[in-house]
C-alpha atoms as a PDB file:
ATOM      1  CA  MET A   1      26.138 -16.658  59.811  1.00  0.00           C
ATOM      2  CA  PHE A   2      25.456 -13.423  57.454  1.00  0.00           C
ATOM      3  CA  PRO A   3      21.831 -13.654  55.586  1.00  0.00           C
ATOM      4  CA  LYS A   4      22.697 -13.573  51.541  1.00  0.00           C
ATOM      5  CA  THR A   5      21.437 -10.179  50.185  1.00  0.00           C
ATOM      6  CA  ASN A   6      17.994  -9.874  48.265  1.00  0.00           C
ATOM      7  CA  ILE A   7      18.878  -7.208  45.529  1.00  0.00           C
ATOM      8  CA  GLU A   8      15.212  -6.636  44.885  1.00  0.00           C
ATOM      9  CA  ILE A   9      14.335  -5.747  49.095  1.00  0.00           C
ATOM     10  CA  GLN A  10      17.096  -3.489  48.879  1.00  0.00           C
ATOM     11  CA  LEU A  11      16.026  -1.888  45.659  1.00  0.00           C
ATOM     12  CA  GLN A  12      12.766  -1.348  47.349  1.00  0.00           C
ATOM     13  CA  LYS A  13      14.332   0.249  50.497  1.00  0.00           C
ATOM     14  CA  THR A  14      16.246   2.537  48.053  1.00  0.00           C
ATOM     15  CA  ARG A  15      13.437   3.570  46.332  1.00  0.00           C
ATOM     16  CA  LYS A  16      11.194   4.241  50.028  1.00  0.00           C
ATOM     17  CA  LYS A  17      14.105   6.645  50.751  1.00  0.00           C
ATOM     18  CA  HIS A  18      13.181   8.993  47.565  1.00  0.00           C
ATOM     19  CA  THR A  19       9.786   8.814  46.654  1.00  0.00           C
ATOM     20  CA  SER A  20       6.808   6.843  47.801  1.00  0.00           C
ATOM     21  CA  GLU A  21       4.587   4.214  46.365  1.00  0.00           C
ATOM     22  CA  TYR A  22       1.458   6.614  45.460  1.00  0.00           C
ATOM     23  CA  GLU A  23       3.862   9.031  43.767  1.00  0.00           C
ATOM     24  CA  ILE A  24       5.218   6.038  41.574  1.00  0.00           C
ATOM     25  CA  LEU A  25       1.935   5.108  40.734  1.00  0.00           C
ATOM     26  CA  ARG A  26       0.757   8.699  39.914  1.00  0.00           C
ATOM     27  CA  ASP A  27       3.599   9.564  37.813  1.00  0.00           C
ATOM     28  CA  VAL A  28       3.107   6.148  35.853  1.00  0.00           C
ATOM     29  CA  ASN A  29      -0.662   6.617  35.587  1.00  0.00           C
ATOM     30  CA  GLU A  30       0.607   9.996  33.572  1.00  0.00           C
ATOM     31  CA  LEU A  31       3.182   9.083  31.237  1.00  0.00           C
ATOM     32  CA  LEU A  32       0.738   6.081  30.294  1.00  0.00           C
ATOM     33  CA  LYS A  33      -2.069   8.955  29.894  1.00  0.00           C
ATOM     34  CA  GLN A  34       0.402  10.346  28.108  1.00  0.00           C
ATOM     35  CA  ASN A  35       1.259   8.054  26.133  1.00  0.00           C
ATOM     36  CA  GLU A  36      -2.502   6.497  24.793  1.00  0.00           C
ATOM     37  CA  ASN A  37      -3.226  10.845  24.285  1.00  0.00           C
ATOM     38  CA  GLN A  38      -0.204  10.237  21.635  1.00  0.00           C
ATOM     39  CA  ARG A  39      -1.561   7.559  19.876  1.00  0.00           C
ATOM     40  CA  ASN A  40      -4.807   8.665  19.711  1.00  0.00           C
ATOM     41  CA  THR A  41      -3.610  11.833  18.007  1.00  0.00           C
ATOM     42  CA  ILE A  42      -1.772   9.526  15.437  1.00  0.00           C
ATOM     43  CA  LYS A  43      -4.506   7.505  15.122  1.00  0.00           C
ATOM     44  CA  ARG A  44      -7.095  10.466  14.018  1.00  0.00           C
ATOM     45  CA  GLU A  45      -4.583  12.094  11.426  1.00  0.00           C
ATOM     46  CA  LEU A  46      -4.628   8.388  10.172  1.00  0.00           C
ATOM     47  CA  THR A  47      -8.165   8.104  10.251  1.00  0.00           C
ATOM     48  CA  HIS A  48      -9.340  11.526   9.091  1.00  0.00           C
ATOM     49  CA  GLY A  49      -5.789  13.178   7.575  1.00  0.00           C
ATOM     50  CA  SER A  50      -4.813  16.419   6.686  1.00  0.00           C
ATOM     51  CA  LYS A  51      -3.829  18.984   3.724  1.00  0.00           C
ATOM     52  CA  LEU A  52      -0.236  18.806   4.458  1.00  0.00           C
ATOM     53  CA  ASN A  53       1.922  17.710   1.768  1.00  0.00           C
ATOM     54  CA  GLU A  54       5.367  18.613   3.780  1.00  0.00           C
ATOM     55  CA  ASN A  55       7.125  17.549   7.038  1.00  0.00           C
ATOM     56  CA  PHE A  56      10.091  19.187   8.577  1.00  0.00           C
ATOM     57  CA  PHE A  57      12.547  15.940   9.327  1.00  0.00           C
ATOM     58  CA  ASN A  58      15.685  15.903  10.904  1.00  0.00           C
ATOM     59  CA  HIS A  59      17.869  14.954   7.611  1.00  0.00           C
ATOM     60  CA  LYS A  60      20.942  14.052   9.757  1.00  0.00           C
ATOM     61  CA  ALA A  61      18.557  11.529  11.555  1.00  0.00           C
ATOM     62  CA  LEU A  62      17.100   9.915   8.028  1.00  0.00           C
ATOM     63  CA  ASP A  63      17.434   6.710   6.602  1.00  0.00           C
ATOM     64  CA  ALA A  64      18.316   7.341   3.281  1.00  0.00           C
ATOM     65  CA  SER A  65      17.406   3.271   2.180  1.00  0.00           C
ATOM     66  CA  LYS A  66      14.019   4.622   3.026  1.00  0.00           C
ATOM     67  CA  VAL A  67      13.301   7.325   0.956  1.00  0.00           C
ATOM     68  CA  PHE A  68      11.574   7.132  -2.290  1.00  0.00           C
ATOM     69  CA  HIS A  69      10.677   9.570  -5.028  1.00  0.00           C
ATOM     70  CA  LEU A  70       6.943   9.780  -5.843  1.00  0.00           C
ATOM     71  CA  SER A  71       8.592   8.218  -9.430  1.00  0.00           C
ATOM     72  CA  ASP A  72       9.560   5.220  -7.859  1.00  0.00           C
ATOM     73  CA  ILE A  73       6.410   4.950  -5.900  1.00  0.00           C
ATOM     74  CA  LYS A  74       4.282   5.642  -9.452  1.00  0.00           C
ATOM     75  CA  LYS A  75       6.014   3.098 -10.943  1.00  0.00           C
ATOM     76  CA  LEU A  76       5.576   0.417  -8.541  1.00  0.00           C
ATOM     77  CA  CYS A  77       1.456   1.242  -8.472  1.00  0.00           C
ATOM     78  CA  ILE A  78       2.004   0.869 -11.700  1.00  0.00           C
ATOM     79  CA  ASP A  79       3.627  -2.399 -12.333  1.00  0.00           C
ATOM     80  CA  TYR A  80       1.952  -4.165  -9.285  1.00  0.00           C
ATOM     81  CA  ARG A  81      -2.073  -2.028 -10.158  1.00  0.00           C
ATOM     82  CA  LEU A  82      -1.486  -0.102  -6.718  1.00  0.00           C
ATOM     83  CA  ARG A  83      -3.488   2.956  -4.752  1.00  0.00           C
ATOM     84  CA  PHE A  84      -1.055   5.619  -3.505  1.00  0.00           C
ATOM     85  CA  LEU A  85      -3.755   7.398  -1.650  1.00  0.00           C
ATOM     86  CA  ASP A  86      -4.087   9.514   1.737  1.00  0.00           C
ATOM     87  CA  THR A  87      -4.636   7.160   4.737  1.00  0.00           C
ATOM     88  CA  LYS A  88      -8.249   8.216   5.628  1.00  0.00           C
ATOM     89  CA  TYR A  89      -9.134   5.843   2.074  1.00  0.00           C
ATOM     90  CA  PHE A  90      -7.539   2.680   4.021  1.00  0.00           C
ATOM     91  CA  LYS A  91     -10.358   0.615   5.456  1.00  0.00           C
ATOM     92  CA  ALA A  92      -8.680  -2.035   7.109  1.00  0.00           C
ATOM     93  CA  PRO A  93      -7.108  -1.287  10.406  1.00  0.00           C
ATOM     94  CA  PHE A  94      -3.719   0.182  11.296  1.00  0.00           C
ATOM     95  CA  PRO A  95      -1.491  -2.105  13.338  1.00  0.00           C
ATOM     96  CA  GLU A  96      -0.615  -0.538  16.502  1.00  0.00           C
ATOM     97  CA  LYS A  97       3.366  -1.457  15.441  1.00  0.00           C
ATOM     98  CA  ALA A  98       2.547   1.200  12.894  1.00  0.00           C
ATOM     99  CA  ILE A  99       1.550   3.852  15.440  1.00  0.00           C
ATOM    100  CA  SER A 100       4.866   3.075  17.543  1.00  0.00           C
ATOM    101  CA  LYS A 101       6.884   3.863  14.226  1.00  0.00           C
ATOM    102  CA  ILE A 102       4.941   6.783  13.849  1.00  0.00           C
ATOM    103  CA  ARG A 103       5.603   7.870  17.821  1.00  0.00           C
ATOM    104  CA  ALA A 104       9.035   7.192  17.593  1.00  0.00           C
ATOM    105  CA  LEU A 105      10.209   8.913  14.365  1.00  0.00           C
ATOM    106  CA  GLU A 106       7.766  11.962  15.755  1.00  0.00           C
ATOM    107  CA  LYS A 107      10.163  11.482  18.644  1.00  0.00           C
ATOM    108  CA  GLU A 108      13.241  11.301  16.958  1.00  0.00           C
ATOM    109  CA  HIS A 109      12.542  14.350  14.631  1.00  0.00           C
ATOM    110  CA  ASN A 110      10.785  16.235  17.406  1.00  0.00           C
ATOM    111  CA  THR A 111       7.642  17.086  14.503  1.00  0.00           C
ATOM    112  CA  THR A 112       4.073  15.768  14.150  1.00  0.00           C
ATOM    113  CA  LEU A 113       3.491  13.803  11.487  1.00  0.00           C
ATOM    114  CA  LYS A 114       0.558  15.207   8.945  1.00  0.00           C
ATOM    115  CA  GLY A 115      -0.510  14.277   5.087  1.00  0.00           C
ATOM    116  CA  LEU A 116       0.399  10.625   5.892  1.00  0.00           C
ATOM    117  CA  LYS A 117       0.262   8.536   2.613  1.00  0.00           C
ATOM    118  CA  ILE A 118      -0.606   4.742   1.811  1.00  0.00           C
ATOM    119  CA  VAL A 119      -0.131   2.597  -0.999  1.00  0.00           C
ATOM    120  CA  ALA A 120      -2.099  -0.717  -1.414  1.00  0.00           C
ATOM    121  CA  PRO A 121      -4.595  -2.982  -3.440  1.00  0.00           C
ATOM    122  CA  ALA A 122      -7.834  -0.716  -4.197  1.00  0.00           C
ATOM    123  CA  SER A 123      -9.622  -3.799  -1.983  1.00  0.00           C
ATOM    124  CA  LEU A 124      -7.925  -2.513   0.803  1.00  0.00           C
ATOM    125  CA  MET A 125      -9.078   0.908   0.076  1.00  0.00           C
ATOM    126  CA  LYS A 126     -12.602   3.262   0.737  1.00  0.00           C
ATOM    127  CA  LEU A 127     -12.965   4.784  -2.634  1.00  0.00           C
ATOM    128  CA  GLU A 128     -15.536   6.796  -4.212  1.00  0.00           C
ATOM    129  CA  ASN A 129     -17.824   5.555  -6.582  1.00  0.00           C
ATOM    130  CA  VAL A 130     -17.415   7.004  -9.867  1.00  0.00           C
ATOM    131  CA  ASN A 131      -2.584  -6.935   0.497  1.00  0.00           C
ATOM    132  CA  ASP A 132       0.267  -4.807   0.976  1.00  0.00           C
ATOM    133  CA  PRO A 133      -0.150  -1.777   2.714  1.00  0.00           C
ATOM    134  CA  LEU A 134       3.021   0.686   2.439  1.00  0.00           C
ATOM    135  CA  LEU A 135       2.728   3.648   4.684  1.00  0.00           C
ATOM    136  CA  PHE A 136       4.710   7.043   4.149  1.00  0.00           C
ATOM    137  CA  ALA A 137       5.028  10.403   5.413  1.00  0.00           C
ATOM    138  CA  PRO A 138       5.350  13.049   2.978  1.00  0.00           C
ATOM    139  CA  ILE A 139       8.851  15.289   2.898  1.00  0.00           C
ATOM    140  CA  SER A 140       8.945  17.932  -0.034  1.00  0.00           C
ATOM    141  CA  ASN A 141       9.810  18.148  -3.388  1.00  0.00           C
ATOM    142  CA  ASP A 142       8.039  14.740  -4.184  1.00  0.00           C
ATOM    143  CA  TYR A 143      10.301  12.892  -1.407  1.00  0.00           C
ATOM    144  CA  PHE A 144       8.940  10.533   0.749  1.00  0.00           C
ATOM    145  CA  TYR A 145       9.613   8.599   3.968  1.00  0.00           C
ATOM    146  CA  LEU A 146       8.836   4.796   4.228  1.00  0.00           C
ATOM    147  CA  ILE A 147       7.411   4.075   8.077  1.00  0.00           C
ATOM    148  CA  HIS A 148       6.385   0.900   8.218  1.00  0.00           C
ATOM    149  CA  LYS A 149       5.102  -1.789   6.146  1.00  0.00           C
ATOM    150  CA  TRP A 150       2.958  -4.830   7.009  1.00  0.00           C
ATOM    151  CA  GLY A 151       0.556  -7.845   5.936  1.00  0.00           C
ATOM    152  CA  ASN A 152       0.844 -10.775   3.567  1.00  0.00           C
ATOM    153  CA  ASP A 153       3.693 -10.331   0.300  1.00  0.00           C
ATOM    154  CA  LEU A 154       1.750  -9.601  -2.779  1.00  0.00           C
ATOM    155  CA  HIS A 155       1.016 -12.920  -5.123  1.00  0.00           C
ATOM    156  CA  PRO A 156       4.100 -13.726  -6.808  1.00  0.00           C
ATOM    157  CA  PHE A 157       2.310 -13.057 -10.076  1.00  0.00           C
ATOM    158  CA  ARG A 158       0.193 -10.158  -9.700  1.00  0.00           C
ATOM    159  CA  LYS A 159       2.908  -8.096 -11.524  1.00  0.00           C
ATOM    160  CA  ALA A 160       2.473 -10.809 -14.293  1.00  0.00           C
ATOM    161  CA  LEU A 161      -1.171 -10.775 -14.128  1.00  0.00           C
ATOM    162  CA  VAL A 162      -2.019  -7.284 -13.984  1.00  0.00           C
ATOM    163  CA  TRP A 163       0.431  -6.104 -16.927  1.00  0.00           C
ATOM    164  CA  PRO A 164      -2.064  -6.226 -19.702  1.00  0.00           C
ATOM    165  CA  TYR A 165      -4.057  -3.529 -17.822  1.00  0.00           C
ATOM    166  CA  LYS A 166      -1.019  -1.169 -17.487  1.00  0.00           C
ATOM    167  CA  THR A 167      -1.273   0.257 -20.497  1.00  0.00           C
ATOM    168  CA  PHE A 168      -3.603   0.252 -23.701  1.00  0.00           C
ATOM    169  CA  GLU A 169      -0.302  -1.200 -25.841  1.00  0.00           C
ATOM    170  CA  ASN A 170      -0.120  -4.097 -23.489  1.00  0.00           C
ATOM    171  CA  LEU A 171      -4.012  -4.607 -23.058  1.00  0.00           C
ATOM    172  CA  ILE A 172      -4.018  -4.501 -27.501  1.00  0.00           C
ATOM    173  CA  PHE A 173      -0.959  -7.078 -27.380  1.00  0.00           C
ATOM    174  CA  THR A 174      -2.473  -9.369 -25.170  1.00  0.00           C
ATOM    175  CA  ILE A 175      -5.585  -9.571 -26.699  1.00  0.00           C
ATOM    176  CA  PHE A 176      -3.421 -10.079 -30.170  1.00  0.00           C
ATOM    177  CA  ILE A 177      -1.421 -12.940 -28.259  1.00  0.00           C
ATOM    178  CA  THR A 178      -4.632 -14.853 -27.217  1.00  0.00           C
ATOM    179  CA  SER A 179      -6.218 -14.807 -30.149  1.00  0.00           C
ATOM    180  CA  ILE A 180      -3.242 -16.497 -32.068  1.00  0.00           C
ATOM    181  CA  LEU A 181      -2.644 -19.064 -29.087  1.00  0.00           C
ATOM    182  CA  LEU A 182      -7.100 -19.959 -29.566  1.00  0.00           C
ATOM    183  CA  THR A 183      -6.730 -20.023 -33.185  1.00  0.00           C
ATOM    184  CA  ALA A 184      -3.523 -22.343 -32.802  1.00  0.00           C
ATOM    185  CA  ILE A 185      -5.714 -24.880 -30.878  1.00  0.00           C
ATOM    186  CA  THR A 186      -8.781 -24.861 -32.819  1.00  0.00           C
ATOM    187  CA  PRO A 187      -8.780 -27.723 -35.555  1.00  0.00           C
ATOM    188  CA  LEU A 188     -10.059 -26.015 -38.862  1.00  0.00           C
ATOM    189  CA  HIS A 189      -8.445 -28.708 -40.459  1.00  0.00           C
ATOM    190  CA  LEU A 190     -11.154 -31.180 -39.288  1.00  0.00           C
ATOM    191  CA  LEU A 191     -14.125 -29.106 -40.172  1.00  0.00           C
ATOM    192  CA  SER A 192     -13.243 -27.725 -43.357  1.00  0.00           C
ATOM    193  CA  ARG A 193     -11.241 -29.000 -46.539  1.00  0.00           C
ATOM    194  CA  GLY A 194     -10.530 -25.467 -47.863  1.00  0.00           C
ATOM    195  CA  ASN A 195      -7.218 -23.289 -47.901  1.00  0.00           C
ATOM    196  CA  PRO A 196      -6.199 -23.886 -44.461  1.00  0.00           C
ATOM    197  CA  ASN A 197      -4.168 -20.785 -44.369  1.00  0.00           C
ATOM    198  CA  LEU A 198      -6.485 -18.648 -45.604  1.00  0.00           C
ATOM    199  CA  GLU A 199      -9.053 -20.363 -43.232  1.00  0.00           C
ATOM    200  CA  TYR A 200      -6.557 -19.832 -40.464  1.00  0.00           C
ATOM    201  CA  LEU A 201      -6.335 -16.440 -41.155  1.00  0.00           C
ATOM    202  CA  LEU A 202     -10.226 -15.471 -41.486  1.00  0.00           C
ATOM    203  CA  PHE A 203     -10.756 -17.160 -38.255  1.00  0.00           C
ATOM    204  CA  PHE A 204      -7.697 -15.309 -36.317  1.00  0.00           C
ATOM    205  CA  LEU A 205      -9.552 -11.879 -37.379  1.00  0.00           C
ATOM    206  CA  PHE A 206     -12.849 -13.462 -36.245  1.00  0.00           C
ATOM    207  CA  MET A 207     -11.267 -14.633 -32.744  1.00  0.00           C
ATOM    208  CA  PHE A 208      -9.495 -10.953 -32.681  1.00  0.00           C
ATOM    209  CA  LYS A 209     -12.469  -9.002 -32.745  1.00  0.00           C
ATOM    210  CA  GLY A 210     -14.624 -11.061 -30.775  1.00  0.00           C
ATOM    211  CA  VAL A 211     -11.360 -11.396 -27.465  1.00  0.00           C
ATOM    212  CA  ALA A 212     -11.348  -7.551 -28.041  1.00  0.00           C
ATOM    213  CA  ALA A 213     -15.092  -7.126 -28.330  1.00  0.00           C
ATOM    214  CA  THR A 214     -15.317  -9.153 -25.071  1.00  0.00           C
ATOM    215  CA  VAL A 215     -12.153  -7.307 -23.115  1.00  0.00           C
ATOM    216  CA  LEU A 216     -13.985  -3.471 -24.061  1.00  0.00           C
ATOM    217  CA  TYR A 217     -17.291  -5.146 -23.606  1.00  0.00           C
ATOM    218  CA  TYR A 218     -16.525  -6.100 -19.680  1.00  0.00           C
ATOM    219  CA  GLY A 219     -13.856  -2.515 -19.031  1.00  0.00           C
ATOM    220  CA  PHE A 220     -16.628   0.124 -20.134  1.00  0.00           C
ATOM    221  CA  ALA A 221     -19.219  -2.221 -17.924  1.00  0.00           C
ATOM    222  CA  LYS A 222     -16.938  -2.063 -15.006  1.00  0.00           C
ATOM    223  CA  GLY A 223     -15.609   1.158 -15.662  1.00  0.00           C
ATOM    224  CA  LYS A 224     -12.109   0.093 -15.199  1.00  0.00           C
ATOM    225  CA  ASN A 225      -9.063   2.267 -16.310  1.00  0.00           C
ATOM    226  CA  PHE A 226      -5.381   1.503 -17.127  1.00  0.00           C
ATOM    227  CA  ASN A 227      -2.403   1.074 -14.294  1.00  0.00           C
ATOM    228  CA  ASN A 228      -1.132   4.491 -15.231  1.00  0.00           C
ATOM    229  CA  ALA A 229      -4.505   6.031 -15.182  1.00  0.00           C
ATOM    230  CA  ILE A 230      -5.681   4.996 -11.451  1.00  0.00           C
ATOM    231  CA  TRP A 231      -2.699   4.699  -9.162  1.00  0.00           C
ATOM    232  CA  ARG A 232      -3.917   8.081  -7.290  1.00  0.00           C
ATOM    233  CA  SER A 233      -7.480   7.680  -8.258  1.00  0.00           C
ATOM    234  CA  LYS A 234      -9.715   7.583  -4.953  1.00  0.00           C
ATOM    235  CA  TYR A 235     -12.350   6.252  -7.145  1.00  0.00           C
ATOM    236  CA  TYR A 236     -13.468   2.602  -6.837  1.00  0.00           C
ATOM    237  CA  ASN A 237     -14.590   2.275 -10.772  1.00  0.00           C
ATOM    238  CA  SER A 238     -11.731   3.742 -12.466  1.00  0.00           C
END
């Protein structure tokens, strides 16, 4: 006998008592426009950067697990041959999720983030001529707040592959071990009937000089440098 109550219709009736559809659309459009302006401002900051190296955070709202000292970031970059530079050097597009996280962080801390930094391989940077980004905001005293991580993870053997370029000592050790291995697999006993120990020693010295010369030639030709010297370099040939 009594019709059922459609709560959507009842909600519409309640709305009509307080405001019109025109006013609702106007307010929604204004909010969307404001949201888009804020996102565009963040994108301009990421693209062009600023000289500010300090942001004011509400310490009570900070997530301690996302706060890192410069020394920790430096070690990561040296171990994995990464760069730590201003976001203006990042040539790949920033994901919308990163923009949203920046907006949420600004709203939570009632601030505008400036001087944003990013950790990424050199291949993802717009470097001047002389796969896994981390977006940071500077706090103060060489502390940085991790905002967002995206992209694919690094190759599982990247740390081992770039280990020889970490320091000069690492490179010499790698050349030494490589020379030993090359000497060991060379069948000198089939090529000569002299003293095998002396011949292997002489061949090792020859091999060491050859490998070292090749590595040095490649390094100088490409203008390469060691991990601990390039982690904050904006130049490609370093």
